[in-house]
């Protein structure tokens, strides 16, 4: 009886050990599961490119891309725009009288051609330097009309720059130094006070200012409003701060606007500053434009206009340029013809190969239109 129990226990332990060995072998196995996907047995289909399929496909691509590209080009071509690069105004412009701006520093597109070149003049006061720019509007321009500033070679998409802010600060919370986002370094604390708003993005805010368009031929002024220039999704993110003026300081590069720091009367209300909101929405590319004003109700009459630009923002330190752009818009936005050109290029390539393959099919003695062409000469004869 005892010997039977010993044999039974021994056999049970052997089964257990063998089961463990089998389990360990299954665990250690690196063989993929026996499925159609993992074993690459999925059904596949490979088209055979024959003239009867390729020619209609090329024709379809041409018929789709051609009209779309032509429509985009027509729509974009109707956008009227003037752009002036005023980066060299301090070094080139005369301080005595208006002089013509070199042609490489401006561009324009209107329904009518301009008769006078844009000109500029440098005006220097005790604390401010102003670049006065005059340009001609050859025809009346219907609203809406938009004012942009444009920067080149400014990398807002830099890894450390793009996240250098504290959202809780921007939402109005009085964030203490220890609770500030670490990405705001090194612009979190100065003079034993919290920097508001902290970070590199706010510190580098574009601060050149543009006057309204003043008519040189008369006393008319064309106003550009800064209301409604930010995205609605951004406007709701910013709130008036709960900081006390005694506990915060402005960023270093805001010293000209706040020479004596913050007071209870001049703390910026970021919920109303749409220029700031647009700047905080960082650009993906180094060359970008940001909206600085718009007029959606008045027609800009033809004539010569002047814009006074207070020069505060340095661009030579990063090797870039700054410009202002006055433009209308279309259903596709501003004057950007690259999308239309891409569609037309695709349509042109499709048309070229459509004609080439059609002539090849018509003139060739050997027709490429059956599967028999893929076989060897011997197998074709056997068929």
Protein backbone atom coordinates (compact mmCIF):
# COMPACT_ATOMS: atom_id res chain seq x y z
CA UNK A 1 0.00 0.00 0.00
CA UNK A 2 2.79 2.41 0.97
CA UNK A 3 4.76 1.53 -2.16
CA UNK A 4 1.76 2.38 -4.34
CA UNK A 5 1.39 5.78 -2.64
CA UNK A 6 5.10 6.47 -3.15
CA UNK A 7 4.86 5.61 -6.85
CA UNK A 8 1.75 7.80 -7.22
CA UNK A 9 3.41 10.78 -5.50
CA UNK A 10 6.51 10.28 -7.62
CA UNK A 11 4.47 10.23 -10.82
CA UNK A 12 2.55 13.36 -9.73
CA UNK A 13 5.78 15.21 -9.03
CA UNK A 14 7.18 14.13 -12.40
CA UNK A 15 4.09 15.44 -14.13
CA UNK A 16 4.38 18.72 -12.22
CA UNK A 17 8.06 19.10 -13.12
CA UNK A 18 7.46 18.20 -16.74
CA UNK A 19 4.57 20.70 -16.82
CA UNK A 20 6.84 23.41 -15.46
CA UNK A 21 9.50 22.57 -18.03
CA UNK A 22 6.94 22.74 -20.82
CA UNK A 23 5.63 26.03 -19.47
CA UNK A 24 9.11 27.48 -19.26
CA UNK A 25 9.80 26.34 -22.80
CA UNK A 26 6.61 28.01 -24.00
CA UNK A 27 7.55 31.20 -22.14
CA UNK A 28 11.06 31.30 -23.57
CA UNK A 29 9.92 30.62 -27.12
CA UNK A 30 10.28 33.62 -29.47
CA UNK A 31 8.29 32.09 -32.25
CA UNK A 32 5.55 34.46 -33.50
CA UNK A 33 1.94 33.30 -33.17
CA UNK A 34 0.62 31.22 -36.03
CA UNK A 35 -1.68 33.91 -37.44
CA UNK A 36 -2.08 35.20 -40.96
CA UNK A 37 -0.81 38.65 -39.98
CA UNK A 38 2.23 37.54 -37.98
CA UNK A 39 3.16 34.82 -40.47
CA UNK A 40 2.64 37.15 -43.46
CA UNK A 41 -0.09 35.11 -45.08
CA UNK A 42 -2.54 37.97 -45.61
CA UNK A 43 -4.15 38.24 -49.00
CA UNK A 44 -2.51 40.83 -51.24
CA UNK A 45 -3.27 42.45 -54.54
CA UNK A 46 -0.75 44.04 -56.87
CA UNK A 47 -2.07 46.06 -59.80
CA UNK A 48 -0.68 45.48 -63.25
CA UNK A 49 -0.07 48.87 -64.81
CA UNK A 50 -1.45 48.72 -68.32
CA UNK A 51 -2.40 51.62 -70.63
CA UNK A 52 -6.12 50.95 -70.16
CA UNK A 53 -5.72 51.70 -66.42
CA UNK A 54 -2.85 54.22 -66.35
CA UNK A 55 -4.20 56.61 -68.99
CA UNK A 56 -7.63 57.10 -67.34
CA UNK A 57 -5.91 57.54 -63.96
CA UNK A 58 -3.60 60.25 -65.30
CA UNK A 59 -6.55 61.92 -66.99
CA UNK A 60 -8.51 61.87 -63.72
CA UNK A 61 -5.59 63.43 -61.79
CA UNK A 62 -5.29 66.17 -64.39
CA UNK A 63 -9.02 66.90 -64.36
CA UNK A 64 -9.01 67.18 -60.54
CA UNK A 65 -5.76 69.06 -59.87
CA UNK A 66 -5.91 71.38 -62.89
CA UNK A 67 -9.18 73.19 -62.06
CA UNK A 68 -8.38 73.25 -58.34
CA UNK A 69 -4.96 74.80 -58.98
CA UNK A 70 -6.40 77.32 -61.42
CA UNK A 71 -9.12 78.27 -58.94
CA UNK A 72 -6.62 78.68 -56.11
CA UNK A 73 -4.37 80.79 -58.32
CA UNK A 74 -7.23 83.05 -59.40
CA UNK A 75 -8.43 83.48 -55.82
CA UNK A 76 -4.95 84.14 -54.42
CA UNK A 77 -4.05 86.50 -57.24
CA UNK A 78 -6.90 88.78 -56.21
CA UNK A 79 -5.32 89.47 -52.80
CA UNK A 80 -3.83 92.97 -52.63
CA UNK A 81 -0.78 93.43 -50.42
CA UNK A 82 2.10 95.76 -49.64
CA UNK A 83 5.11 94.60 -47.61
CA UNK A 84 7.96 96.79 -46.38
CA UNK A 85 11.10 95.49 -44.69
CA UNK A 86 12.16 98.28 -42.33
CA UNK A 87 15.03 96.44 -40.61
CA UNK A 88 17.61 98.80 -42.14
CA UNK A 89 15.67 101.98 -41.52
CA UNK A 90 18.01 103.14 -38.74
CA UNK A 91 21.13 102.65 -40.85
CA UNK A 92 19.93 103.63 -44.34
CA UNK A 93 17.04 106.08 -44.03
CA UNK A 94 17.79 109.79 -43.95
CA UNK A 95 16.84 111.87 -40.93
CA UNK A 96 16.38 115.02 -43.04
CA UNK A 97 13.87 114.02 -45.72
CA UNK A 98 12.03 111.07 -47.19
CA UNK A 99 14.17 108.92 -49.50
CA UNK A 100 13.17 106.01 -51.74
CA UNK A 101 13.32 102.58 -50.17
CA UNK A 102 15.57 100.17 -52.13
CA UNK A 103 13.44 97.80 -54.18
CA UNK A 104 14.77 94.73 -52.36
CA UNK A 105 13.14 95.96 -49.16
CA UNK A 106 9.55 96.17 -50.39
CA UNK A 107 7.03 94.35 -52.55
CA UNK A 108 3.42 94.98 -53.52
CA UNK A 109 0.55 93.65 -55.56
CA UNK A 110 -2.47 95.77 -56.45
CA UNK A 111 -5.10 95.86 -59.16
CA UNK A 112 -3.33 98.92 -60.54
CA UNK A 113 0.38 99.61 -60.73
CA UNK A 114 1.97 102.15 -58.39
CA UNK A 115 3.45 105.36 -59.79
CA UNK A 116 5.71 106.28 -56.85
CA UNK A 117 8.08 104.11 -54.86
CA UNK A 118 7.74 103.74 -51.09
CA UNK A 119 9.97 106.07 -49.07
CA UNK A 120 11.15 106.34 -45.48
CA UNK A 121 12.60 108.77 -43.01
CA UNK A 122 14.21 108.31 -39.61
CA UNK A 123 12.94 110.47 -36.77
CA UNK A 124 14.85 110.57 -33.50
CA UNK A 125 13.61 112.05 -30.22
CA UNK A 126 15.10 111.88 -26.76
CA UNK A 127 13.76 108.45 -25.87
CA UNK A 128 12.29 107.06 -29.09
CA UNK A 129 13.40 106.31 -32.62
CA UNK A 130 10.68 106.27 -35.25
CA UNK A 131 10.77 104.99 -38.82
CA UNK A 132 8.27 106.89 -40.95
CA UNK A 133 7.24 104.94 -44.05
CA UNK A 134 5.20 106.31 -46.94
CA UNK A 135 3.65 104.15 -49.63
CA UNK A 136 1.04 104.51 -52.36
CA UNK A 137 -2.32 102.75 -52.56
CA UNK A 138 -3.18 103.01 -56.30
CA UNK A 139 -6.83 101.93 -56.00
CA UNK A 140 -9.57 101.73 -53.40
CA UNK A 141 -9.38 98.61 -51.24
CA UNK A 142 -12.52 97.16 -49.72
CA UNK A 143 -12.53 95.74 -46.19
CA UNK A 144 -11.48 93.65 -44.44
CA UNK A 145 -7.89 94.88 -44.35
CA UNK A 146 -5.23 93.39 -42.09
CA UNK A 147 -1.96 94.65 -40.62
CA UNK A 148 0.75 92.08 -39.83
CA UNK A 149 4.29 92.21 -38.58
CA UNK A 150 6.70 89.70 -40.09
CA UNK A 151 9.88 88.25 -38.61
CA UNK A 152 12.47 86.06 -40.31
CA UNK A 153 15.04 83.70 -38.78
CA UNK A 154 13.35 83.84 -35.38
CA UNK A 155 13.00 80.30 -34.04
CA UNK A 156 9.97 80.32 -31.79
CA UNK A 157 9.88 76.54 -32.17
CA UNK A 158 13.11 76.02 -30.21
CA UNK A 159 12.70 73.20 -27.70
CA UNK A 160 13.48 75.28 -24.62
CA UNK A 161 11.78 78.42 -25.88
CA UNK A 162 8.43 77.00 -26.92
CA UNK A 163 7.52 75.78 -23.42
CA UNK A 164 9.02 78.65 -21.42
CA UNK A 165 5.90 80.03 -19.73
CA UNK A 166 3.55 79.23 -16.86
CA UNK A 167 -0.10 78.69 -17.83
CA UNK A 168 -1.33 79.20 -14.29
CA UNK A 169 0.18 82.69 -14.32
CA UNK A 170 -1.47 83.48 -17.63
CA UNK A 171 -4.81 82.26 -16.26
CA UNK A 172 -4.61 84.93 -13.55
CA UNK A 173 -3.41 82.88 -10.60
CA UNK A 174 -0.93 84.47 -8.19
CA UNK A 175 1.64 81.69 -8.46
CA UNK A 176 4.42 81.74 -5.87
CA UNK A 177 8.05 81.32 -6.85
CA UNK A 178 8.30 77.71 -5.66
CA UNK A 179 5.22 76.76 -7.68
CA UNK A 180 6.27 78.39 -10.96
CA UNK A 181 6.86 76.10 -13.90
CA UNK A 182 10.54 75.16 -14.07
CA UNK A 183 10.49 75.83 -17.83
CA UNK A 184 10.39 79.55 -17.01
CA UNK A 185 14.04 79.43 -15.94
CA UNK A 186 16.08 81.61 -15.93
CA UNK A 187 13.34 84.26 -16.03
CA UNK A 188 11.32 83.32 -12.95
CA UNK A 189 12.67 85.55 -10.21
CA UNK A 190 14.37 88.95 -10.17
CA UNK A 191 15.03 91.52 -7.44
CA UNK A 192 13.49 89.15 -4.87
CA UNK A 193 10.19 89.22 -6.78
CA UNK A 194 8.35 86.93 -9.17
CA UNK A 195 8.63 87.82 -12.86
CA UNK A 196 5.18 88.33 -14.40
CA UNK A 197 4.72 86.96 -16.96
CA UNK A 198 7.67 84.60 -16.59
CA UNK A 199 9.60 82.78 -19.30
CA UNK A 200 11.43 83.38 -22.55
CA UNK A 201 8.34 83.73 -24.74
CA UNK A 202 6.89 86.67 -22.84
CA UNK A 203 10.30 88.29 -22.38
CA UNK A 204 10.90 88.36 -26.15
CA UNK A 205 7.50 89.93 -26.96
CA UNK A 206 7.57 91.92 -30.20
CA UNK A 207 7.25 95.54 -29.09
CA UNK A 208 7.57 97.71 -32.19
CA UNK A 209 4.43 99.85 -32.39
CA UNK A 210 2.56 100.92 -35.52
CA UNK A 211 0.48 104.04 -35.93
CA UNK A 212 -2.74 104.21 -37.88
CA UNK A 213 -2.50 104.89 -41.61
CA UNK A 214 -2.27 108.66 -42.04
CA UNK A 215 -3.20 110.14 -45.42
CA UNK A 216 -0.39 112.32 -46.77
CA UNK A 217 -2.72 114.05 -49.23
CA UNK A 218 -5.30 114.99 -46.59
CA UNK A 219 -6.28 114.62 -42.96
CA UNK A 220 -7.88 111.20 -43.24
CA UNK A 221 -6.85 108.46 -40.82
CA UNK A 222 -7.45 104.78 -41.44
CA UNK A 223 -7.74 103.06 -38.08
CA UNK A 224 -6.52 99.54 -37.38
CA UNK A 225 -8.18 97.91 -34.38
CA UNK A 226 -6.47 95.40 -32.09
CA UNK A 227 -9.79 93.92 -31.02
CA UNK A 228 -10.67 90.54 -32.43
CA UNK A 229 -7.20 89.76 -33.78
CA UNK A 230 -6.60 86.75 -31.49
CA UNK A 231 -8.12 83.30 -31.74
CA UNK A 232 -11.31 82.85 -29.73
CA UNK A 233 -9.80 79.76 -28.12
CA UNK A 234 -6.89 81.88 -26.87
CA UNK A 235 -8.98 84.76 -25.54
CA UNK A 236 -10.74 82.50 -23.04
CA UNK A 237 -7.45 81.18 -21.65
CA UNK A 238 -6.11 84.49 -20.33
CA UNK A 239 -7.42 86.14 -17.16
CA UNK A 240 -6.65 89.27 -15.18
CA UNK A 241 -3.95 88.57 -12.63
CA UNK A 242 -4.47 88.35 -8.86
CA UNK A 243 -0.89 89.40 -8.09
CA UNK A 244 -0.16 92.47 -5.99
CA UNK A 245 2.06 95.00 -7.72
CA UNK A 246 4.55 94.88 -4.84
CA UNK A 247 5.24 91.16 -5.32
CA UNK A 248 6.01 91.05 -9.06
CA UNK A 249 8.34 92.65 -11.60
CA UNK A 250 8.08 92.88 -15.40
CA UNK A 251 10.37 90.81 -17.64
CA UNK A 252 13.76 92.34 -18.38
CA UNK A 253 12.91 93.30 -21.96
CA UNK A 254 9.78 95.14 -20.82
CA UNK A 255 11.87 97.74 -18.97
CA UNK A 256 11.19 100.49 -21.52
CA UNK A 257 7.43 100.13 -21.13
CA UNK A 258 7.64 99.80 -17.34
CA UNK A 259 10.76 101.77 -16.33
CA UNK A 260 9.66 101.99 -12.69
CA UNK A 261 8.21 98.51 -12.49
CA UNK A 262 4.60 97.65 -11.82
CA UNK A 263 2.12 99.73 -9.87
CA UNK A 264 -1.50 99.08 -9.02
CA UNK A 265 -2.47 101.21 -12.03
CA UNK A 266 -0.27 99.71 -14.75
CA UNK A 267 -0.27 95.95 -14.16
CA UNK A 268 -0.98 94.48 -17.62
CA UNK A 269 -4.36 92.85 -18.07
CA UNK A 270 -3.42 89.96 -20.33
CA UNK A 271 -7.08 89.07 -20.89
CA UNK A 272 -7.38 92.27 -22.97
CA UNK A 273 -3.97 92.19 -24.69
CA UNK A 274 -4.59 90.31 -27.93
CA UNK A 275 -1.17 91.26 -29.33
CA UNK A 276 0.35 89.37 -26.42
CA UNK A 277 -1.94 86.40 -27.05
CA UNK A 278 -0.86 86.20 -30.68
CA UNK A 279 2.80 86.33 -29.68
CA UNK A 280 2.36 83.57 -27.12
CA UNK A 281 0.96 81.28 -29.84
CA UNK A 282 4.42 80.25 -31.01
CA UNK A 283 5.11 79.81 -34.72
CA UNK A 284 6.17 76.48 -36.19
CA UNK A 285 8.61 77.98 -38.71
CA UNK A 286 11.38 80.60 -38.35
CA UNK A 287 9.73 82.98 -40.85
CA UNK A 288 6.25 83.99 -39.75
CA UNK A 289 3.65 86.76 -39.67
CA UNK A 290 1.42 87.68 -36.75
CA UNK A 291 -1.71 89.79 -36.88
CA UNK A 292 -1.31 93.25 -35.31
CA UNK A 293 -4.50 95.01 -36.40
CA UNK A 294 -7.47 94.94 -38.73
CA UNK A 295 -10.26 97.07 -40.17
CA UNK A 296 -13.43 95.26 -41.17
CA UNK A 297 -15.73 98.19 -41.90
CA UNK A 298 -14.00 101.00 -43.85
CA UNK A 299 -12.73 101.20 -47.42
CA UNK A 300 -9.12 102.32 -47.80
CA UNK A 301 -9.22 105.10 -50.38
CA UNK A 302 -6.50 105.39 -53.00
CA UNK A 303 -3.69 107.79 -52.17
CA UNK A 304 -0.39 108.01 -50.31
CA UNK A 305 -0.29 106.93 -46.68
CA UNK A 306 2.24 107.12 -43.87
CA UNK A 307 2.88 104.67 -41.05
CA UNK A 308 5.03 105.66 -38.06
CA UNK A 309 6.86 102.71 -36.51
CA UNK A 310 8.44 103.12 -33.10
CA UNK A 311 11.62 101.03 -33.24
CA UNK A 312 12.06 98.97 -30.09
CA UNK A 313 12.68 95.42 -31.27
CA UNK A 314 16.26 94.45 -32.24
CA UNK A 315 16.65 91.86 -35.00
CA UNK A 316 20.36 92.15 -35.79
CA UNK A 317 21.25 90.15 -32.67
CA UNK A 318 19.74 87.00 -34.20
CA UNK A 319 20.40 87.87 -37.86
CA UNK A 320 16.76 88.28 -38.83
CA UNK A 321 14.56 90.93 -40.41
CA UNK A 322 11.30 92.65 -39.50
CA UNK A 323 8.62 93.92 -41.85
CA UNK A 324 5.06 95.17 -41.80
CA UNK A 325 2.47 93.78 -44.18
CA UNK A 326 -0.88 95.34 -45.11
CA UNK A 327 -3.06 92.86 -46.94
CA UNK A 328 -6.56 91.85 -47.90
CA UNK A 329 -7.64 88.22 -47.71
CA UNK A 330 -9.43 85.54 -49.69
CA UNK A 331 -11.23 82.32 -48.85
CA UNK A 332 -7.76 80.74 -48.70
CA UNK A 333 -6.28 83.41 -46.44
CA UNK A 334 -3.51 85.75 -47.55
CA UNK A 335 -1.45 85.90 -50.71
CA UNK A 336 0.21 82.48 -50.71
CA UNK A 337 0.46 80.96 -54.18
CA UNK A 338 2.52 77.91 -53.19
CA UNK A 339 -0.54 75.67 -52.80
CA UNK A 340 -1.89 76.70 -56.21
CA UNK A 341 1.52 76.14 -57.80
CA UNK A 342 1.72 72.63 -56.30
CA UNK A 343 -1.66 71.67 -57.76
CA UNK A 344 -0.72 73.07 -61.16
CA UNK A 345 2.61 71.23 -61.14
CA UNK A 346 0.89 67.91 -60.40
CA UNK A 347 -1.66 68.61 -63.14
CA UNK A 348 1.12 69.49 -65.60
CA UNK A 349 3.11 66.35 -64.84
CA UNK A 350 -0.01 64.21 -65.21
CA UNK A 351 -0.84 65.83 -68.56
CA UNK A 352 2.72 65.33 -69.81
CA UNK A 353 2.79 61.62 -69.01
CA UNK A 354 -0.77 61.22 -70.28
CA UNK A 355 0.25 62.52 -73.70
CA UNK A 356 3.55 60.61 -73.67
CA UNK A 357 1.98 57.27 -72.79
CA UNK A 358 -0.88 57.81 -75.23
CA UNK A 359 1.54 58.47 -78.10
CA UNK A 360 3.59 55.48 -77.02
CA UNK A 361 0.50 53.28 -77.10
CA UNK A 362 -0.64 54.58 -80.50
CA UNK A 363 2.74 54.51 -82.23
CA UNK A 364 4.19 51.40 -80.64
CA UNK A 365 4.00 48.17 -82.65
CA UNK A 366 3.94 46.10 -79.51
CA UNK A 367 0.76 46.64 -77.49
CA UNK A 368 1.11 46.47 -73.72
CA UNK A 369 -2.44 45.60 -72.82
CA UNK A 370 -2.57 41.92 -71.80
CA UNK A 371 -1.08 39.69 -69.14
CA UNK A 372 0.54 37.62 -71.89
CA UNK A 373 3.16 40.35 -72.24
CA UNK A 374 4.51 39.40 -68.80
CA UNK A 375 5.28 35.83 -69.93
CA UNK A 376 8.39 34.59 -71.70
CA UNK A 377 8.40 34.03 -75.45
CA UNK A 378 8.26 30.24 -75.06
CA UNK A 379 5.29 30.33 -72.67
CA UNK A 380 3.41 32.74 -74.93
CA UNK A 381 3.89 30.40 -77.87
CA UNK A 382 2.68 27.50 -75.73
CA UNK A 383 -0.50 29.39 -74.94
